[in-house]
Amino acid sequence: MDTLKITNTGFTLVEIIIVLVILGVLVTIALPGLFAQIERNRAQEAINTMNFIKSSIETCGLQNNYQFSQCNNWTSLNMLDPSYNTPPGSNMGSNFIYTLGGGNAYGLGTYSIKATRTGILANFVVVNRNSDGSVTCTGNGAYVGFC
């Protein structure tokens, strides 16, 4: 009479736990870098949007003898506020609130554009673009010096 030899195959519980621990360590190492890169990309989005706004402000300024106080709202720039408007077909909202500054308080021929991060990172990331072409990025918490 033949006897069936039963062999246990597969993974033990200890082996599965070890694999899960290793995966947990790898995820813990990788995720902060991923989130930081996402924020750098969003900051670049803000800089690109501000470059477009800069062109509109400078066009408006040329039409008003460099009196940028005339160019401190979206209507005078002939554009919609990018803080609340997204491209057609896009299901994403804006990641920043954009504000304009300019005119006598800033001096003749000067202006500023400010992008403040929205959502759960509100006020943690701020990008400024000035009429002299300088761009500054500031961050709080984990986002200090992120861009």
C-alpha atoms as a PDB file:
ATOM      1  CA  MET A   1       0.000   0.000   0.000  1.00  0.00           C
ATOM      2  CA  ASP A   2       1.315   3.362  -1.012  1.00  0.00           C
ATOM      3  CA  THR A   3       1.260   6.114   1.543  1.00  0.00           C
ATOM      4  CA  LEU A   4       0.865   9.679   0.567  1.00  0.00           C
ATOM      5  CA  LYS A   5       3.657  11.828   1.763  1.00  0.00           C
ATOM      6  CA  ILE A   6       2.292  15.216   2.795  1.00  0.00           C
ATOM      7  CA  THR A   7       4.724  18.073   2.348  1.00  0.00           C
ATOM      8  CA  ASN A   8       4.051  21.542   3.534  1.00  0.00           C
ATOM      9  CA  THR A   9       4.868  24.130   0.902  1.00  0.00           C
ATOM     10  CA  GLY A  10       4.514  27.864   0.983  1.00  0.00           C
ATOM     11  CA  PHE A  11       5.724  30.632   3.202  1.00  0.00           C
ATOM     12  CA  THR A  12       5.753  30.606   6.931  1.00  0.00           C
ATOM     13  CA  LEU A  13       4.203  33.387   8.931  1.00  0.00           C
ATOM     14  CA  VAL A  14       7.646  34.565  10.036  1.00  0.00           C
ATOM     15  CA  GLU A  15       8.830  34.894   6.422  1.00  0.00           C
ATOM     16  CA  ILE A  16       5.766  36.927   5.484  1.00  0.00           C
ATOM     17  CA  ILE A  17       6.252  39.238   8.490  1.00  0.00           C
ATOM     18  CA  ILE A  18       9.910  39.786   7.575  1.00  0.00           C
ATOM     19  CA  VAL A  19       8.939  40.761   4.014  1.00  0.00           C
ATOM     20  CA  LEU A  20       6.300  43.181   5.332  1.00  0.00           C
ATOM     21  CA  VAL A  21       8.817  44.781   7.699  1.00  0.00           C
ATOM     22  CA  ILE A  22      11.311  45.254   4.865  1.00  0.00           C
ATOM     23  CA  LEU A  23       8.613  46.788   2.663  1.00  0.00           C
ATOM     24  CA  GLY A  24       7.594  49.103   5.498  1.00  0.00           C
ATOM     25  CA  VAL A  25      11.165  50.334   5.912  1.00  0.00           C
ATOM     26  CA  LEU A  26      11.514  50.955   2.168  1.00  0.00           C
ATOM     27  CA  VAL A  27       8.240  52.892   2.045  1.00  0.00           C
ATOM     28  CA  THR A  28       9.287  54.938   5.083  1.00  0.00           C
ATOM     29  CA  ILE A  29      12.495  55.910   3.304  1.00  0.00           C
ATOM     30  CA  ALA A  30      10.935  56.635  -0.110  1.00  0.00           C
ATOM     31  CA  LEU A  31       7.716  58.547   0.666  1.00  0.00           C
ATOM     32  CA  PRO A  32       9.186  61.764   2.161  1.00  0.00           C
ATOM     33  CA  GLY A  33      11.364  62.210  -0.925  1.00  0.00           C
ATOM     34  CA  LEU A  34       8.391  61.598  -3.187  1.00  0.00           C
ATOM     35  CA  PHE A  35       6.241  64.171  -1.389  1.00  0.00           C
ATOM     36  CA  ALA A  36       9.062  66.730  -1.464  1.00  0.00           C
ATOM     37  CA  GLN A  37       9.445  66.226  -5.228  1.00  0.00           C
ATOM     38  CA  ILE A  38       5.704  66.695  -5.714  1.00  0.00           C
ATOM     39  CA  GLU A  39       5.896  70.019  -3.850  1.00  0.00           C
ATOM     40  CA  ARG A  40       8.902  71.139  -5.924  1.00  0.00           C
ATOM     41  CA  ASN A  41       6.872  70.386  -9.067  1.00  0.00           C
ATOM     42  CA  ARG A  42       3.927  72.359  -7.732  1.00  0.00           C
ATOM     43  CA  ALA A  43       6.225  75.274  -6.902  1.00  0.00           C
ATOM     44  CA  GLN A  44       7.509  75.149 -10.481  1.00  0.00           C
ATOM     45  CA  GLU A  45       3.880  75.260 -11.622  1.00  0.00           C
ATOM     46  CA  ALA A  46       3.468  78.459  -9.581  1.00  0.00           C
ATOM     47  CA  ILE A  47       6.629  79.965 -11.097  1.00  0.00           C
ATOM     48  CA  ASN A  48       5.424  79.155 -14.627  1.00  0.00           C
ATOM     49  CA  THR A  49       2.029  80.701 -13.914  1.00  0.00           C
ATOM     50  CA  MET A  50       3.708  83.788 -12.451  1.00  0.00           C
ATOM     51  CA  ASN A  51       5.838  84.137 -15.593  1.00  0.00           C
ATOM     52  CA  PHE A  52       2.620  84.274 -17.609  1.00  0.00           C
ATOM     53  CA  ILE A  53       1.157  86.834 -15.176  1.00  0.00           C
ATOM     54  CA  LYS A  54       4.418  88.826 -15.434  1.00  0.00           C
ATOM     55  CA  SER A  55       3.974  89.109 -19.203  1.00  0.00           C
ATOM     56  CA  SER A  56       0.419  90.378 -18.720  1.00  0.00           C
ATOM     57  CA  ILE A  57       1.515  92.895 -16.070  1.00  0.00           C
ATOM     58  CA  GLU A  58       4.334  94.217 -18.224  1.00  0.00           C
ATOM     59  CA  THR A  59       1.994  94.579 -21.205  1.00  0.00           C
ATOM     60  CA  CYS A  60      -0.462  96.465 -18.993  1.00  0.00           C
ATOM     61  CA  GLY A  61       2.384  98.600 -17.627  1.00  0.00           C
ATOM     62  CA  LEU A  62       3.527  99.542 -21.116  1.00  0.00           C
ATOM     63  CA  GLN A  63       0.010 100.670 -21.923  1.00  0.00           C
ATOM     64  CA  ASN A  64      -0.056 102.812 -18.738  1.00  0.00           C
ATOM     65  CA  ASN A  65       3.423 104.445 -18.822  1.00  0.00           C
ATOM     66  CA  TYR A  66       4.811 101.950 -16.290  1.00  0.00           C
ATOM     67  CA  GLN A  67       2.176 102.843 -13.713  1.00  0.00           C
ATOM     68  CA  PHE A  68       1.705  99.332 -12.397  1.00  0.00           C
ATOM     69  CA  SER A  69      -0.880 100.585  -9.934  1.00  0.00           C
ATOM     70  CA  GLN A  70      -3.232 100.349 -12.921  1.00  0.00           C
ATOM     71  CA  CYS A  71      -2.319  96.656 -13.296  1.00  0.00           C
ATOM     72  CA  ASN A  72      -3.192  95.276  -9.896  1.00  0.00           C
ATOM     73  CA  ASN A  73      -6.286  93.233 -10.716  1.00  0.00           C
ATOM     74  CA  TRP A  74      -7.145  90.441 -13.106  1.00  0.00           C
ATOM     75  CA  THR A  75      -9.567  92.538 -15.149  1.00  0.00           C
ATOM     76  CA  SER A  76      -6.894  95.111 -16.019  1.00  0.00           C
ATOM     77  CA  LEU A  77      -4.646  92.229 -17.112  1.00  0.00           C
ATOM     78  CA  ASN A  78      -7.388  90.797 -19.348  1.00  0.00           C
ATOM     79  CA  MET A  79      -7.135  87.423 -17.696  1.00  0.00           C
ATOM     80  CA  LEU A  80      -9.023  85.206 -15.285  1.00  0.00           C
ATOM     81  CA  ASP A  81      -7.667  84.684 -11.787  1.00  0.00           C
ATOM     82  CA  PRO A  82      -5.533  81.514 -12.057  1.00  0.00           C
ATOM     83  CA  SER A  83      -6.277  80.783  -8.391  1.00  0.00           C
ATOM     84  CA  TYR A  84      -9.775  79.655  -9.290  1.00  0.00           C
ATOM     85  CA  ASN A  85      -9.640  78.838 -12.984  1.00  0.00           C
ATOM     86  CA  THR A  86      -8.182  75.710 -14.475  1.00  0.00           C
ATOM     87  CA  PRO A  87      -7.655  74.717 -18.107  1.00  0.00           C
ATOM     88  CA  PRO A  88     -10.680  73.334 -19.951  1.00  0.00           C
ATOM     89  CA  GLY A  89     -11.058  69.610 -19.392  1.00  0.00           C
ATOM     90  CA  SER A  90      -8.871  69.661 -16.292  1.00  0.00           C
ATOM     91  CA  ASN A  91     -10.290  68.123 -13.154  1.00  0.00           C
ATOM     92  CA  MET A  92      -7.553  69.589 -10.958  1.00  0.00           C
ATOM     93  CA  GLY A  93      -7.890  72.722  -8.904  1.00  0.00           C
ATOM     94  CA  SER A  94      -5.194  75.308  -8.478  1.00  0.00           C
ATOM     95  CA  ASN A  95      -2.541  74.553  -5.875  1.00  0.00           C
ATOM     96  CA  PHE A  96      -1.900  78.236  -5.146  1.00  0.00           C
ATOM     97  CA  ILE A  97      -3.743  81.491  -4.475  1.00  0.00           C
ATOM     98  CA  TYR A  98      -2.188  84.268  -6.575  1.00  0.00           C
ATOM     99  CA  THR A  99      -2.117  87.892  -5.420  1.00  0.00           C
ATOM    100  CA  LEU A 100      -0.830  90.967  -7.219  1.00  0.00           C
ATOM    101  CA  GLY A 101       0.977  93.961  -5.809  1.00  0.00           C
ATOM    102  CA  GLY A 102       2.200  97.078  -7.543  1.00  0.00           C
ATOM    103  CA  GLY A 103       1.945 100.788  -7.884  1.00  0.00           C
ATOM    104  CA  ASN A 104       3.053 103.652  -5.688  1.00  0.00           C
ATOM    105  CA  ALA A 105       3.613 101.511  -2.595  1.00  0.00           C
ATOM    106  CA  TYR A 106       6.149  99.526  -4.561  1.00  0.00           C
ATOM    107  CA  GLY A 107       7.599 102.437  -6.524  1.00  0.00           C
ATOM    108  CA  LEU A 108       7.266 103.383 -10.167  1.00  0.00           C
ATOM    109  CA  GLY A 109       7.824 100.450 -12.477  1.00  0.00           C
ATOM    110  CA  THR A 110       7.699  97.773  -9.828  1.00  0.00           C
ATOM    111  CA  TYR A 111       5.250  95.043  -8.975  1.00  0.00           C
ATOM    112  CA  SER A 112       5.093  91.717  -7.190  1.00  0.00           C
ATOM    113  CA  ILE A 113       3.221  88.481  -7.668  1.00  0.00           C
ATOM    114  CA  LYS A 114       2.673  86.150  -4.732  1.00  0.00           C
ATOM    115  CA  ALA A 115       1.551  82.521  -4.820  1.00  0.00           C
ATOM    116  CA  THR A 116       0.455  80.994  -1.509  1.00  0.00           C
ATOM    117  CA  ARG A 117      -0.079  77.252  -1.306  1.00  0.00           C
ATOM    118  CA  THR A 118      -3.661  76.097  -0.766  1.00  0.00           C
ATOM    119  CA  GLY A 119      -5.084  72.998   0.840  1.00  0.00           C
ATOM    120  CA  ILE A 120      -3.484  71.128   3.692  1.00  0.00           C
ATOM    121  CA  LEU A 121      -0.190  72.932   3.052  1.00  0.00           C
ATOM    122  CA  ALA A 122      -1.712  76.416   3.144  1.00  0.00           C
ATOM    123  CA  ASN A 123       0.889  78.991   4.183  1.00  0.00           C
ATOM    124  CA  PHE A 124       3.568  76.289   4.267  1.00  0.00           C
ATOM    125  CA  VAL A 125       4.784  77.172   0.776  1.00  0.00           C
ATOM    126  CA  VAL A 126       4.971  80.729  -0.614  1.00  0.00           C
ATOM    127  CA  VAL A 127       6.542  81.731  -3.936  1.00  0.00           C
ATOM    128  CA  ASN A 128       7.222  85.404  -4.764  1.00  0.00           C
ATOM    129  CA  ARG A 129       8.183  86.891  -8.110  1.00  0.00           C
ATOM    130  CA  ASN A 130       9.304  90.515  -8.291  1.00  0.00           C
ATOM    131  CA  SER A 131       9.625  92.931 -11.198  1.00  0.00           C
ATOM    132  CA  ASP A 132      13.422  92.651 -11.059  1.00  0.00           C
ATOM    133  CA  GLY A 133      13.054  89.014 -12.092  1.00  0.00           C
ATOM    134  CA  SER A 134      13.927  87.506  -8.728  1.00  0.00           C
ATOM    135  CA  VAL A 135      11.951  84.527  -7.501  1.00  0.00           C
ATOM    136  CA  THR A 136      11.953  83.484  -3.864  1.00  0.00           C
ATOM    137  CA  CYS A 137      10.460  80.334  -2.414  1.00  0.00           C
ATOM    138  CA  THR A 138       9.840  79.998   1.285  1.00  0.00           C
ATOM    139  CA  GLY A 139       8.500  77.095   3.225  1.00  0.00           C
ATOM    140  CA  ASN A 140       7.654  76.135   6.772  1.00  0.00           C
ATOM    141  CA  GLY A 141       8.021  72.853   8.579  1.00  0.00           C
ATOM    142  CA  ALA A 142       9.276  70.111   6.290  1.00  0.00           C
ATOM    143  CA  TYR A 143       9.262  72.540   3.354  1.00  0.00           C
ATOM    144  CA  VAL A 144      12.012  74.901   4.531  1.00  0.00           C
ATOM    145  CA  GLY A 145      14.348  75.436   1.575  1.00  0.00           C
ATOM    146  CA  PHE A 146      12.421  73.064  -0.687  1.00  0.00           C
ATOM    147  CA  CYS A 147      12.944  74.925  -3.969  1.00  0.00           C
END
